[in-house]
């Protein structure tokens, strides 16, 4: 997948704190909890609740967010379409990581079982 460089730069400069409330609203609207959202984020990034709070308060960009993350080794098991793109075909590593997070949040909101979202780990 060939995303435009402009779009990749826009995603890199977005702050996690600006998107997090949308993630939370999306999952809560569908009956899921903040704790489940944090569990999904922790699986992908290694960030615990304290880390997440510091990153939100620090208004870090997605670029910084994912530079500090310890990406789960099973991330390659995340496949499918999000925002019109197959996540496994996204070429820009940062954009792909952001879309992995979007995909996991989407699966949580759609009611998928946690063990399926966390890819059996």
PDB file of N, CA and C in Angstrom:
ATOM      1  N   UNK A   1       0.837  -1.177   0.000  1.00  0.00           N
ATOM      2  CA  UNK A   1       0.000   0.000   0.000  1.00  0.00           C
ATOM      3  C   UNK A   1       0.879   1.236   0.000  1.00  0.00           C
ATOM      4  N   UNK A   2       0.563   2.178  -0.806  1.00  0.00           N
ATOM      5  CA  UNK A   2       1.372   3.381  -0.910  1.00  0.00           C
ATOM      6  C   UNK A   2       0.573   4.572  -0.403  1.00  0.00           C
ATOM      7  N   UNK A   3       0.757   4.893   0.861  1.00  0.00           N
ATOM      8  CA  UNK A   3       0.129   6.081   1.443  1.00  0.00           C
ATOM      9  C   UNK A   3       0.934   7.293   1.022  1.00  0.00           C
ATOM     10  N   UNK A   4       0.315   8.420   0.902  1.00  0.00           N
ATOM     11  CA  UNK A   4       1.065   9.616   0.540  1.00  0.00           C
ATOM     12  C   UNK A   4       1.960  10.022   1.705  1.00  0.00           C
ATOM     13  N   UNK A   5       3.100  10.580   1.364  1.00  0.00           N
ATOM     14  CA  UNK A   5       4.037  11.036   2.382  1.00  0.00           C
ATOM     15  C   UNK A   5       3.395  12.102   3.267  1.00  0.00           C
ATOM     16  N   UNK A   6       2.553  12.935   2.688  1.00  0.00           N
ATOM     17  CA  UNK A   6       1.869  13.983   3.449  1.00  0.00           C
ATOM     18  C   UNK A   6       0.966  13.370   4.517  1.00  0.00           C
ATOM     19  N   UNK A   7       0.241  12.332   4.141  1.00  0.00           N
ATOM     20  CA  UNK A   7      -0.642  11.668   5.104  1.00  0.00           C
ATOM     21  C   UNK A   7       0.182  11.013   6.216  1.00  0.00           C
ATOM     22  N   UNK A   8       1.291  10.376   5.862  1.00  0.00           N
ATOM     23  CA  UNK A   8       2.156   9.754   6.867  1.00  0.00           C
ATOM     24  C   UNK A   8       2.686  10.792   7.848  1.00  0.00           C
ATOM     25  N   UNK A   9       3.079  11.955   7.332  1.00  0.00           N
ATOM     26  CA  UNK A   9       3.589  13.025   8.199  1.00  0.00           C
ATOM     27  C   UNK A   9       2.485  13.572   9.099  1.00  0.00           C
ATOM     28  N   UNK A  10       1.283  13.683   8.560  1.00  0.00           N
ATOM     29  CA  UNK A  10       0.145  14.180   9.353  1.00  0.00           C
ATOM     30  C   UNK A  10      -0.139  13.223  10.512  1.00  0.00           C
ATOM     31  N   UNK A  11      -0.122  11.928  10.223  1.00  0.00           N
ATOM     32  CA  UNK A  11      -0.357  10.921  11.265  1.00  0.00           C
ATOM     33  C   UNK A  11       0.743  10.989  12.322  1.00  0.00           C
ATOM     34  N   UNK A  12       1.993  11.121  11.885  1.00  0.00           N
ATOM     35  CA  UNK A  12       3.129  11.175  12.818  1.00  0.00           C
ATOM     36  C   UNK A  12       3.013  12.339  13.786  1.00  0.00           C
ATOM     37  N   UNK A  13       2.483  13.466  13.323  1.00  0.00           N
ATOM     38  CA  UNK A  13       2.419  14.676  14.141  1.00  0.00           C
ATOM     39  C   UNK A  13       1.155  14.782  14.991  1.00  0.00           C
ATOM     40  N   UNK A  14       0.181  13.906  14.742  1.00  0.00           N
ATOM     41  CA  UNK A  14      -1.032  13.907  15.581  1.00  0.00           C
ATOM     42  C   UNK A  14      -0.656  13.490  16.993  1.00  0.00           C
ATOM     43  N   UNK A  15      -1.317  14.071  17.983  1.00  0.00           N
ATOM     44  CA  UNK A  15      -1.042  13.671  19.361  1.00  0.00           C
ATOM     45  C   UNK A  15      -1.943  12.512  19.767  1.00  0.00           C
ATOM     46  N   UNK A  16      -1.354  11.600  20.524  1.00  0.00           N
ATOM     47  CA  UNK A  16      -2.127  10.474  21.042  1.00  0.00           C
ATOM     48  C   UNK A  16      -3.276  10.994  21.898  1.00  0.00           C
ATOM     49  N   UNK A  17      -3.027  12.057  22.664  1.00  0.00           N
ATOM     50  CA  UNK A  17      -4.062  12.602  23.562  1.00  0.00           C
ATOM     51  C   UNK A  17      -5.261  13.161  22.800  1.00  0.00           C
ATOM     52  N   UNK A  18      -5.074  13.534  21.531  1.00  0.00           N
ATOM     53  CA  UNK A  18      -6.206  14.045  20.752  1.00  0.00           C
ATOM     54  C   UNK A  18      -7.081  12.915  20.212  1.00  0.00           C
ATOM     55  N   UNK A  19      -6.509  11.729  20.066  1.00  0.00           N
ATOM     56  CA  UNK A  19      -7.237  10.594  19.508  1.00  0.00           C
ATOM     57  C   UNK A  19      -7.788   9.677  20.606  1.00  0.00           C
ATOM     58  N   UNK A  20      -7.092   9.610  21.730  1.00  0.00           N
ATOM     59  CA  UNK A  20      -7.496   8.720  22.820  1.00  0.00           C
ATOM     60  C   UNK A  20      -8.963   8.901  23.241  1.00  0.00           C
ATOM     61  N   UNK A  21      -9.459  10.145  23.431  1.00  0.00           N
ATOM     62  CA  UNK A  21     -10.878  10.290  23.821  1.00  0.00           C
ATOM     63  C   UNK A  21     -11.842   9.697  22.775  1.00  0.00           C
ATOM     64  N   UNK A  22     -11.450   9.734  21.515  1.00  0.00           N
ATOM     65  CA  UNK A  22     -12.297   9.148  20.463  1.00  0.00           C
ATOM     66  C   UNK A  22     -12.292   7.624  20.556  1.00  0.00           C
ATOM     67  N   UNK A  23     -11.120   7.051  20.836  1.00  0.00           N
ATOM     68  CA  UNK A  23     -11.043   5.600  21.048  1.00  0.00           C
ATOM     69  C   UNK A  23     -11.947   5.199  22.215  1.00  0.00           C
ATOM     70  N   UNK A  24     -11.827   5.937  23.318  1.00  0.00           N
ATOM     71  CA  UNK A  24     -12.602   5.623  24.521  1.00  0.00           C
ATOM     72  C   UNK A  24     -14.096   5.752  24.260  1.00  0.00           C
ATOM     73  N   UNK A  25     -14.502   6.836  23.623  1.00  0.00           N
ATOM     74  CA  UNK A  25     -15.920   7.034  23.316  1.00  0.00           C
ATOM     75  C   UNK A  25     -16.447   5.929  22.414  1.00  0.00           C
ATOM     76  N   UNK A  26     -15.662   5.525  21.440  1.00  0.00           N
ATOM     77  CA  UNK A  26     -16.074   4.481  20.491  1.00  0.00           C
ATOM     78  C   UNK A  26     -16.338   3.162  21.214  1.00  0.00           C
ATOM     79  N   UNK A  27     -15.422   2.767  22.096  1.00  0.00           N
ATOM     80  CA  UNK A  27     -15.607   1.470  22.763  1.00  0.00           C
ATOM     81  C   UNK A  27     -16.691   1.533  23.835  1.00  0.00           C
ATOM     82  N   UNK A  28     -16.772   2.651  24.567  1.00  0.00           N
ATOM     83  CA  UNK A  28     -17.800   2.765  25.609  1.00  0.00           C
ATOM     84  C   UNK A  28     -19.200   2.816  25.004  1.00  0.00           C
ATOM     85  N   UNK A  29     -19.323   3.453  23.841  1.00  0.00           N
ATOM     86  CA  UNK A  29     -20.615   3.520  23.161  1.00  0.00           C
ATOM     87  C   UNK A  29     -21.130   2.123  22.811  1.00  0.00           C
ATOM     88  N   UNK A  30     -20.187   1.194  22.619  1.00  0.00           N
ATOM     89  CA  UNK A  30     -20.551  -0.178  22.263  1.00  0.00           C
ATOM     90  C   UNK A  30     -20.537  -1.121  23.464  1.00  0.00           C
ATOM     91  N   UNK A  31     -20.479  -0.534  24.678  1.00  0.00           N
ATOM     92  CA  UNK A  31     -20.584  -1.349  25.888  1.00  0.00           C
ATOM     93  C   UNK A  31     -19.278  -1.937  26.392  1.00  0.00           C
ATOM     94  N   UNK A  32     -18.158  -1.508  25.837  1.00  0.00           N
ATOM     95  CA  UNK A  32     -16.864  -1.983  26.333  1.00  0.00           C
ATOM     96  C   UNK A  32     -16.339  -0.962  27.331  1.00  0.00           C
ATOM     97  N   UNK A  33     -15.278  -1.310  28.061  1.00  0.00           N
ATOM     98  CA  UNK A  33     -14.798  -0.455  29.147  1.00  0.00           C
ATOM     99  C   UNK A  33     -13.436   0.168  28.852  1.00  0.00           C
ATOM    100  N   UNK A  34     -13.133   1.196  29.639  1.00  0.00           N
ATOM    101  CA  UNK A  34     -11.823   1.843  29.573  1.00  0.00           C
ATOM    102  C   UNK A  34     -10.724   0.825  29.888  1.00  0.00           C
ATOM    103  N   UNK A  35     -10.991  -0.057  30.840  1.00  0.00           N
ATOM    104  CA  UNK A  35     -10.020  -1.077  31.214  1.00  0.00           C
ATOM    105  C   UNK A  35      -9.728  -2.007  30.044  1.00  0.00           C
ATOM    106  N   UNK A  36     -10.765  -2.376  29.285  1.00  0.00           N
ATOM    107  CA  UNK A  36     -10.556  -3.224  28.110  1.00  0.00           C
ATOM    108  C   UNK A  36      -9.753  -2.484  27.044  1.00  0.00           C
ATOM    109  N   UNK A  37     -10.041  -1.201  26.855  1.00  0.00           N
ATOM    110  CA  UNK A  37      -9.270  -0.398  25.910  1.00  0.00           C
ATOM    111  C   UNK A  37      -7.800  -0.379  26.322  1.00  0.00           C
ATOM    112  N   UNK A  38      -7.546  -0.160  27.606  1.00  0.00           N
ATOM    113  CA  UNK A  38      -6.173  -0.114  28.091  1.00  0.00           C
ATOM    114  C   UNK A  38      -5.492  -1.467  27.934  1.00  0.00           C
ATOM    115  N   UNK A  39      -6.239  -2.549  28.113  1.00  0.00           N
ATOM    116  CA  UNK A  39      -5.686  -3.887  27.936  1.00  0.00           C
ATOM    117  C   UNK A  39      -5.222  -4.087  26.491  1.00  0.00           C
ATOM    118  N   UNK A  40      -6.020  -3.631  25.549  1.00  0.00           N
ATOM    119  CA  UNK A  40      -5.687  -3.738  24.128  1.00  0.00           C
ATOM    120  C   UNK A  40      -4.457  -2.880  23.802  1.00  0.00           C
ATOM    121  N   UNK A  41      -4.435  -1.657  24.323  1.00  0.00           N
ATOM    122  CA  UNK A  41      -3.291  -0.771  24.071  1.00  0.00           C
ATOM    123  C   UNK A  41      -2.023  -1.357  24.696  1.00  0.00           C
ATOM    124  N   UNK A  42      -2.160  -1.912  25.897  1.00  0.00           N
ATOM    125  CA  UNK A  42      -0.993  -2.501  26.560  1.00  0.00           C
ATOM    126  C   UNK A  42      -0.481  -3.709  25.779  1.00  0.00           C
ATOM    127  N   UNK A  43      -1.379  -4.525  25.246  1.00  0.00           N
ATOM    128  CA  UNK A  43      -0.947  -5.682  24.458  1.00  0.00           C
ATOM    129  C   UNK A  43      -0.104  -5.229  23.264  1.00  0.00           C
ATOM    130  N   UNK A  44      -0.554  -4.192  22.582  1.00  0.00           N
ATOM    131  CA  UNK A  44       0.148  -3.712  21.392  1.00  0.00           C
ATOM    132  C   UNK A  44       1.451  -2.996  21.735  1.00  0.00           C
ATOM    133  N   UNK A  45       1.444  -2.152  22.778  1.00  0.00           N
ATOM    134  CA  UNK A  45       2.553  -1.228  23.019  1.00  0.00           C
ATOM    135  C   UNK A  45       3.412  -1.528  24.246  1.00  0.00           C
ATOM    136  N   UNK A  46       2.873  -2.286  25.192  1.00  0.00           N
ATOM    137  CA  UNK A  46       3.580  -2.524  26.446  1.00  0.00           C
ATOM    138  C   UNK A  46       3.337  -1.447  27.488  1.00  0.00           C
ATOM    139  N   UNK A  47       2.585  -0.396  27.146  1.00  0.00           N
ATOM    140  CA  UNK A  47       2.330   0.693  28.092  1.00  0.00           C
ATOM    141  C   UNK A  47       1.278   0.296  29.117  1.00  0.00           C
ATOM    142  N   UNK A  48       1.602   0.484  30.408  1.00  0.00           N
ATOM    143  CA  UNK A  48       0.604   0.240  31.450  1.00  0.00           C
ATOM    144  C   UNK A  48      -0.215   1.525  31.671  1.00  0.00           C
ATOM    145  N   UNK A  49      -1.138   1.477  32.615  1.00  0.00           N
ATOM    146  CA  UNK A  49      -2.022   2.634  32.853  1.00  0.00           C
ATOM    147  C   UNK A  49      -1.238   3.896  33.200  1.00  0.00           C
ATOM    148  N   UNK A  50      -0.198   3.756  34.026  1.00  0.00           N
ATOM    149  CA  UNK A  50       0.620   4.911  34.425  1.00  0.00           C
ATOM    150  C   UNK A  50       1.319   5.501  33.197  1.00  0.00           C
ATOM    151  N   UNK A  51       1.914   4.634  32.377  1.00  0.00           N
ATOM    152  CA  UNK A  51       2.577   5.102  31.157  1.00  0.00           C
ATOM    153  C   UNK A  51       1.594   5.848  30.256  1.00  0.00           C
ATOM    154  N   UNK A  52       0.413   5.260  30.067  1.00  0.00           N
ATOM    155  CA  UNK A  52      -0.599   5.881  29.198  1.00  0.00           C
ATOM    156  C   UNK A  52      -0.966   7.270  29.708  1.00  0.00           C
ATOM    157  N   UNK A  53      -1.178   7.383  31.013  1.00  0.00           N
ATOM    158  CA  UNK A  53      -1.559   8.674  31.585  1.00  0.00           C
ATOM    159  C   UNK A  53      -0.466   9.711  31.338  1.00  0.00           C
ATOM    160  N   UNK A  54       0.790   9.305  31.517  1.00  0.00           N
ATOM    161  CA  UNK A  54       1.913  10.234  31.291  1.00  0.00           C
ATOM    162  C   UNK A  54       1.990  10.653  29.822  1.00  0.00           C
ATOM    163  N   UNK A  55       1.763   9.710  28.912  1.00  0.00           N
ATOM    164  CA  UNK A  55       1.809  10.018  27.482  1.00  0.00           C
ATOM    165  C   UNK A  55       0.670  10.954  27.081  1.00  0.00           C
ATOM    166  N   UNK A  56      -0.499  10.738  27.671  1.00  0.00           N
ATOM    167  CA  UNK A  56      -1.644  11.607  27.391  1.00  0.00           C
ATOM    168  C   UNK A  56      -1.367  13.013  27.925  1.00  0.00           C
ATOM    169  N   UNK A  57      -0.928  13.092  29.174  1.00  0.00           N
ATOM    170  CA  UNK A  57      -0.650  14.395  29.787  1.00  0.00           C
ATOM    171  C   UNK A  57       0.489  15.122  29.072  1.00  0.00           C
ATOM    172  N   UNK A  58       1.450  14.354  28.565  1.00  0.00           N
ATOM    173  CA  UNK A  58       2.587  14.946  27.867  1.00  0.00           C
ATOM    174  C   UNK A  58       2.275  15.362  26.442  1.00  0.00           C
ATOM    175  N   UNK A  59       1.068  15.014  25.990  1.00  0.00           N
ATOM    176  CA  UNK A  59       0.627  15.358  24.631  1.00  0.00           C
ATOM    177  C   UNK A  59       1.651  14.933  23.572  1.00  0.00           C
ATOM    178  N   UNK A  60       2.122  13.672  23.705  1.00  0.00           N
ATOM    179  CA  UNK A  60       3.111  13.161  22.757  1.00  0.00           C
ATOM    180  C   UNK A  60       2.457  12.875  21.409  1.00  0.00           C
ATOM    181  N   UNK A  61       3.262  13.006  20.369  1.00  0.00           N
ATOM    182  CA  UNK A  61       2.786  12.672  19.025  1.00  0.00           C
ATOM    183  C   UNK A  61       2.752  11.162  18.882  1.00  0.00           C
ATOM    184  N   UNK A  62       2.047  10.688  17.855  1.00  0.00           N
ATOM    185  CA  UNK A  62       2.061   9.253  17.575  1.00  0.00           C
ATOM    186  C   UNK A  62       3.485   8.782  17.284  1.00  0.00           C
ATOM    187  N   UNK A  63       4.283   9.642  16.658  1.00  0.00           N
ATOM    188  CA  UNK A  63       5.666   9.283  16.365  1.00  0.00           C
ATOM    189  C   UNK A  63       6.413   8.956  17.663  1.00  0.00           C
ATOM    190  N   UNK A  64       6.315   9.835  18.654  1.00  0.00           N
ATOM    191  CA  UNK A  64       6.957   9.614  19.948  1.00  0.00           C
ATOM    192  C   UNK A  64       6.325   8.437  20.680  1.00  0.00           C
ATOM    193  N   UNK A  65       5.005   8.353  20.635  1.00  0.00           N
ATOM    194  CA  UNK A  65       4.263   7.270  21.282  1.00  0.00           C
ATOM    195  C   UNK A  65       4.807   5.912  20.841  1.00  0.00           C
ATOM    196  N   UNK A  66       4.919   5.722  19.534  1.00  0.00           N
ATOM    197  CA  UNK A  66       5.361   4.417  19.039  1.00  0.00           C
ATOM    198  C   UNK A  66       6.872   4.233  19.120  1.00  0.00           C
ATOM    199  N   UNK A  67       7.651   5.317  19.173  1.00  0.00           N
ATOM    200  CA  UNK A  67       9.097   5.192  19.400  1.00  0.00           C
ATOM    201  C   UNK A  67       9.354   4.637  20.799  1.00  0.00           C
ATOM    202  N   UNK A  68       8.505   5.007  21.751  1.00  0.00           N
ATOM    203  CA  UNK A  68       8.676   4.578  23.141  1.00  0.00           C
ATOM    204  C   UNK A  68       8.022   3.225  23.424  1.00  0.00           C
ATOM    205  N   UNK A  69       7.222   2.749  22.499  1.00  0.00           N
ATOM    206  CA  UNK A  69       6.479   1.503  22.703  1.00  0.00           C
ATOM    207  C   UNK A  69       7.373   0.271  22.506  1.00  0.00           C
ATOM    208  N   UNK A  70       6.982  -0.800  23.162  1.00  0.00           N
ATOM    209  CA  UNK A  70       7.572  -2.120  22.918  1.00  0.00           C
ATOM    210  C   UNK A  70       6.513  -2.919  22.172  1.00  0.00           C
ATOM    211  N   UNK A  71       6.584  -2.888  20.845  1.00  0.00           N
ATOM    212  CA  UNK A  71       5.537  -3.493  20.016  1.00  0.00           C
ATOM    213  C   UNK A  71       5.494  -5.009  20.234  1.00  0.00           C
ATOM    214  N   UNK A  72       4.296  -5.525  20.424  1.00  0.00           N
ATOM    215  CA  UNK A  72       4.087  -6.951  20.642  1.00  0.00           C
ATOM    216  C   UNK A  72       4.641  -7.751  19.461  1.00  0.00           C
ATOM    217  N   UNK A  73       5.376  -8.826  19.741  1.00  0.00           N
ATOM    218  CA  UNK A  73       5.938  -9.632  18.646  1.00  0.00           C
ATOM    219  C   UNK A  73       4.872 -10.313  17.777  1.00  0.00           C
ATOM    220  N   UNK A  74       3.645 -10.417  18.270  1.00  0.00           N
ATOM    221  CA  UNK A  74       2.564 -11.035  17.485  1.00  0.00           C
ATOM    222  C   UNK A  74       1.778 -10.031  16.660  1.00  0.00           C
ATOM    223  N   UNK A  75       2.311  -8.822  16.524  1.00  0.00           N
ATOM    224  CA  UNK A  75       1.607  -7.762  15.792  1.00  0.00           C
ATOM    225  C   UNK A  75       1.334  -8.181  14.345  1.00  0.00           C
ATOM    226  N   UNK A  76       2.178  -9.033  13.799  1.00  0.00           N
ATOM    227  CA  UNK A  76       1.984  -9.481  12.415  1.00  0.00           C
ATOM    228  C   UNK A  76       0.690 -10.290  12.235  1.00  0.00           C
ATOM    229  N   UNK A  77       0.097 -10.723  13.331  1.00  0.00           N
ATOM    230  CA  UNK A  77      -1.163 -11.479  13.261  1.00  0.00           C
ATOM    231  C   UNK A  77      -2.371 -10.564  13.056  1.00  0.00           C
ATOM    232  N   UNK A  78      -2.165  -9.252  13.183  1.00  0.00           N
ATOM    233  CA  UNK A  78      -3.254  -8.299  12.949  1.00  0.00           C
ATOM    234  C   UNK A  78      -3.373  -8.105  11.437  1.00  0.00           C
ATOM    235  N   UNK A  79      -4.502  -8.509  10.897  1.00  0.00           N
ATOM    236  CA  UNK A  79      -4.738  -8.373   9.460  1.00  0.00           C
ATOM    237  C   UNK A  79      -6.139  -7.819   9.242  1.00  0.00           C
ATOM    238  N   UNK A  80      -6.398  -7.401   8.029  1.00  0.00           N
ATOM    239  CA  UNK A  80      -7.721  -6.917   7.687  1.00  0.00           C
ATOM    240  C   UNK A  80      -7.692  -5.473   7.236  1.00  0.00           C
ATOM    241  N   UNK A  81      -8.879  -4.937   7.037  1.00  0.00           N
ATOM    242  CA  UNK A  81      -9.020  -3.602   6.482  1.00  0.00           C
ATOM    243  C   UNK A  81      -9.420  -2.616   7.577  1.00  0.00           C
ATOM    244  N   UNK A  82      -8.733  -1.478   7.584  1.00  0.00           N
ATOM    245  CA  UNK A  82      -9.095  -0.371   8.466  1.00  0.00           C
ATOM    246  C   UNK A  82      -8.878   0.911   7.670  1.00  0.00           C
ATOM    247  N   UNK A  83      -9.844   1.793   7.719  1.00  0.00           N
ATOM    248  CA  UNK A  83      -9.771   3.058   6.979  1.00  0.00           C
ATOM    249  C   UNK A  83      -9.533   2.831   5.490  1.00  0.00           C
ATOM    250  N   UNK A  84     -10.044   1.731   4.972  1.00  0.00           N
ATOM    251  CA  UNK A  84      -9.936   1.454   3.543  1.00  0.00           C
ATOM    252  C   UNK A  84      -8.634   0.815   3.103  1.00  0.00           C
ATOM    253  N   UNK A  85      -7.747   0.509   4.027  1.00  0.00           N
ATOM    254  CA  UNK A  85      -6.453  -0.084   3.689  1.00  0.00           C
ATOM    255  C   UNK A  85      -6.265  -1.406   4.427  1.00  0.00           C
ATOM    256  N   UNK A  86      -5.604  -2.357   3.792  1.00  0.00           N
ATOM    257  CA  UNK A  86      -5.226  -3.598   4.462  1.00  0.00           C
ATOM    258  C   UNK A  86      -4.030  -3.276   5.347  1.00  0.00           C
ATOM    259  N   UNK A  87      -4.146  -3.502   6.646  1.00  0.00           N
ATOM    260  CA  UNK A  87      -3.079  -3.113   7.567  1.00  0.00           C
ATOM    261  C   UNK A  87      -1.763  -3.817   7.260  1.00  0.00           C
ATOM    262  N   UNK A  88      -1.839  -5.039   6.791  1.00  0.00           N
ATOM    263  CA  UNK A  88      -0.607  -5.783   6.523  1.00  0.00           C
ATOM    264  C   UNK A  88       0.128  -5.283   5.279  1.00  0.00           C
ATOM    265  N   UNK A  89      -0.508  -4.419   4.480  1.00  0.00           N
ATOM    266  CA  UNK A  89       0.117  -3.903   3.258  1.00  0.00           C
ATOM    267  C   UNK A  89       0.595  -2.456   3.384  1.00  0.00           C
ATOM    268  N   UNK A  90       0.404  -1.844   4.534  1.00  0.00           N
ATOM    269  CA  UNK A  90       0.836  -0.454   4.728  1.00  0.00           C
ATOM    270  C   UNK A  90       2.361  -0.432   4.813  1.00  0.00           C
ATOM    271  N   UNK A  91       2.980   0.396   3.982  1.00  0.00           N
ATOM    272  CA  UNK A  91       4.441   0.411   3.875  1.00  0.00           C
ATOM    273  C   UNK A  91       5.125   1.246   4.943  1.00  0.00           C
ATOM    274  N   UNK A  92       4.555   2.378   5.326  1.00  0.00           N
ATOM    275  CA  UNK A  92       5.183   3.230   6.329  1.00  0.00           C
ATOM    276  C   UNK A  92       5.020   2.591   7.706  1.00  0.00           C
ATOM    277  N   UNK A  93       6.122   2.280   8.401  1.00  0.00           N
ATOM    278  CA  UNK A  93       6.022   1.565   9.687  1.00  0.00           C
ATOM    279  C   UNK A  93       5.172   2.284  10.738  1.00  0.00           C
ATOM    280  N   UNK A  94       5.322   3.603  10.861  1.00  0.00           N
ATOM    281  CA  UNK A  94       4.538   4.333  11.861  1.00  0.00           C
ATOM    282  C   UNK A  94       3.061   4.328  11.510  1.00  0.00           C
ATOM    283  N   UNK A  95       2.736   4.602  10.273  1.00  0.00           N
ATOM    284  CA  UNK A  95       1.333   4.583   9.844  1.00  0.00           C
ATOM    285  C   UNK A  95       0.753   3.193  10.073  1.00  0.00           C
ATOM    286  N   UNK A  96       1.527   2.157   9.799  1.00  0.00           N
ATOM    287  CA  UNK A  96       1.057   0.793  10.018  1.00  0.00           C
ATOM    288  C   UNK A  96       0.778   0.553  11.505  1.00  0.00           C
ATOM    289  N   UNK A  97       1.650   1.030  12.385  1.00  0.00           N
ATOM    290  CA  UNK A  97       1.437   0.841  13.819  1.00  0.00           C
ATOM    291  C   UNK A  97       0.186   1.576  14.300  1.00  0.00           C
ATOM    292  N   UNK A  98      -0.023   2.782  13.803  1.00  0.00           N
ATOM    293  CA  UNK A  98      -1.235   3.531  14.170  1.00  0.00           C
ATOM    294  C   UNK A  98      -2.467   2.780  13.684  1.00  0.00           C
ATOM    295  N   UNK A  99      -2.422   2.255  12.481  1.00  0.00           N
ATOM    296  CA  UNK A  99      -3.557   1.501  11.934  1.00  0.00           C
ATOM    297  C   UNK A  99      -3.759   0.180  12.671  1.00  0.00           C
ATOM    298  N   UNK A 100      -2.687  -0.436  13.170  1.00  0.00           N
ATOM    299  CA  UNK A 100      -2.841  -1.628  14.026  1.00  0.00           C
ATOM    300  C   UNK A 100      -3.661  -1.254  15.255  1.00  0.00           C
ATOM    301  N   UNK A 101      -3.321  -0.126  15.868  1.00  0.00           N
ATOM    302  CA  UNK A 101      -4.060   0.326  17.044  1.00  0.00           C
ATOM    303  C   UNK A 101      -5.518   0.604  16.683  1.00  0.00           C
ATOM    304  N   UNK A 102      -5.731   1.285  15.561  1.00  0.00           N
ATOM    305  CA  UNK A 102      -7.100   1.544  15.105  1.00  0.00           C
ATOM    306  C   UNK A 102      -7.868   0.241  14.922  1.00  0.00           C
ATOM    307  N   UNK A 103      -7.221  -0.748  14.339  1.00  0.00           N
ATOM    308  CA  UNK A 103      -7.860  -2.044  14.066  1.00  0.00           C
ATOM    309  C   UNK A 103      -8.243  -2.739  15.372  1.00  0.00           C
ATOM    310  N   UNK A 104      -7.348  -2.717  16.351  1.00  0.00           N
ATOM    311  CA  UNK A 104      -7.651  -3.355  17.635  1.00  0.00           C
ATOM    312  C   UNK A 104      -8.812  -2.657  18.348  1.00  0.00           C
ATOM    313  N   UNK A 105      -8.816  -1.335  18.312  1.00  0.00           N
ATOM    314  CA  UNK A 105      -9.909  -0.568  18.932  1.00  0.00           C
ATOM    315  C   UNK A 105     -11.221  -0.884  18.207  1.00  0.00           C
ATOM    316  N   UNK A 106     -11.165  -0.965  16.898  1.00  0.00           N
ATOM    317  CA  UNK A 106     -12.341  -1.294  16.099  1.00  0.00           C
ATOM    318  C   UNK A 106     -12.879  -2.677  16.465  1.00  0.00           C
ATOM    319  N   UNK A 107     -11.990  -3.647  16.591  1.00  0.00           N
ATOM    320  CA  UNK A 107     -12.412  -5.003  16.963  1.00  0.00           C
ATOM    321  C   UNK A 107     -13.045  -5.018  18.350  1.00  0.00           C
ATOM    322  N   UNK A 108     -12.473  -4.264  19.276  1.00  0.00           N
ATOM    323  CA  UNK A 108     -13.031  -4.167  20.628  1.00  0.00           C
ATOM    324  C   UNK A 108     -14.442  -3.586  20.570  1.00  0.00           C
ATOM    325  N   UNK A 109     -14.606  -2.507  19.810  1.00  0.00           N
ATOM    326  CA  UNK A 109     -15.911  -1.854  19.699  1.00  0.00           C
ATOM    327  C   UNK A 109     -16.938  -2.747  19.013  1.00  0.00           C
ATOM    328  N   UNK A 110     -16.478  -3.618  18.137  1.00  0.00           N
ATOM    329  CA  UNK A 110     -17.403  -4.506  17.431  1.00  0.00           C
ATOM    330  C   UNK A 110     -17.788  -5.731  18.251  1.00  0.00           C
ATOM    331  N   UNK A 111     -17.271  -5.822  19.471  1.00  0.00           N
ATOM    332  CA  UNK A 111     -17.679  -6.897  20.365  1.00  0.00           C
ATOM    333  C   UNK A 111     -16.879  -8.176  20.237  1.00  0.00           C
ATOM    334  N   UNK A 112     -15.768  -8.124  19.532  1.00  0.00           N
ATOM    335  CA  UNK A 112     -14.931  -9.313  19.383  1.00  0.00           C
ATOM    336  C   UNK A 112     -14.412  -9.732  20.763  1.00  0.00           C
ATOM    337  N   UNK A 113     -14.255 -11.031  20.978  1.00  0.00           N
ATOM    338  CA  UNK A 113     -13.771 -11.530  22.260  1.00  0.00           C
ATOM    339  C   UNK A 113     -12.319 -11.109  22.472  1.00  0.00           C
ATOM    340  N   UNK A 114     -12.001 -10.776  23.723  1.00  0.00           N
ATOM    341  CA  UNK A 114     -10.674 -10.262  24.050  1.00  0.00           C
ATOM    342  C   UNK A 114      -9.565 -11.219  23.638  1.00  0.00           C
ATOM    343  N   UNK A 115      -9.759 -12.519  23.825  1.00  0.00           N
ATOM    344  CA  UNK A 115      -8.687 -13.458  23.455  1.00  0.00           C
ATOM    345  C   UNK A 115      -8.429 -13.470  21.943  1.00  0.00           C
ATOM    346  N   UNK A 116      -9.449 -13.147  21.165  1.00  0.00           N
ATOM    347  CA  UNK A 116      -9.271 -13.031  19.699  1.00  0.00           C
ATOM    348  C   UNK A 116      -8.548 -11.740  19.360  1.00  0.00           C
ATOM    349  N   UNK A 117      -8.924 -10.649  20.027  1.00  0.00           N
ATOM    350  CA  UNK A 117      -8.281  -9.348  19.783  1.00  0.00           C
ATOM    351  C   UNK A 117      -6.801  -9.425  20.123  1.00  0.00           C
ATOM    352  N   UNK A 118      -6.477 -10.083  21.224  1.00  0.00           N
ATOM    353  CA  UNK A 118      -5.101 -10.168  21.688  1.00  0.00           C
ATOM    354  C   UNK A 118      -4.328 -11.298  21.016  1.00  0.00           C
ATOM    355  N   UNK A 119      -4.900 -11.842  19.977  1.00  0.00           N
ATOM    356  CA  UNK A 119      -4.244 -12.838  19.128  1.00  0.00           C
ATOM    357  C   UNK A 119      -3.685 -14.009  19.926  1.00  0.00           C
ATOM    358  N   UNK A 120      -4.524 -14.496  20.851  1.00  0.00           N
ATOM    359  CA  UNK A 120      -4.191 -15.726  21.585  1.00  0.00           C
ATOM    360  C   UNK A 120      -3.078 -15.616  22.607  1.00  0.00           C
ATOM    361  N   UNK A 121      -2.669 -14.383  22.945  1.00  0.00           N
ATOM    362  CA  UNK A 121      -1.587 -14.286  23.939  1.00  0.00           C
ATOM    363  C   UNK A 121      -2.058 -13.670  25.230  1.00  0.00           C
TER     364      UNK A 121
END
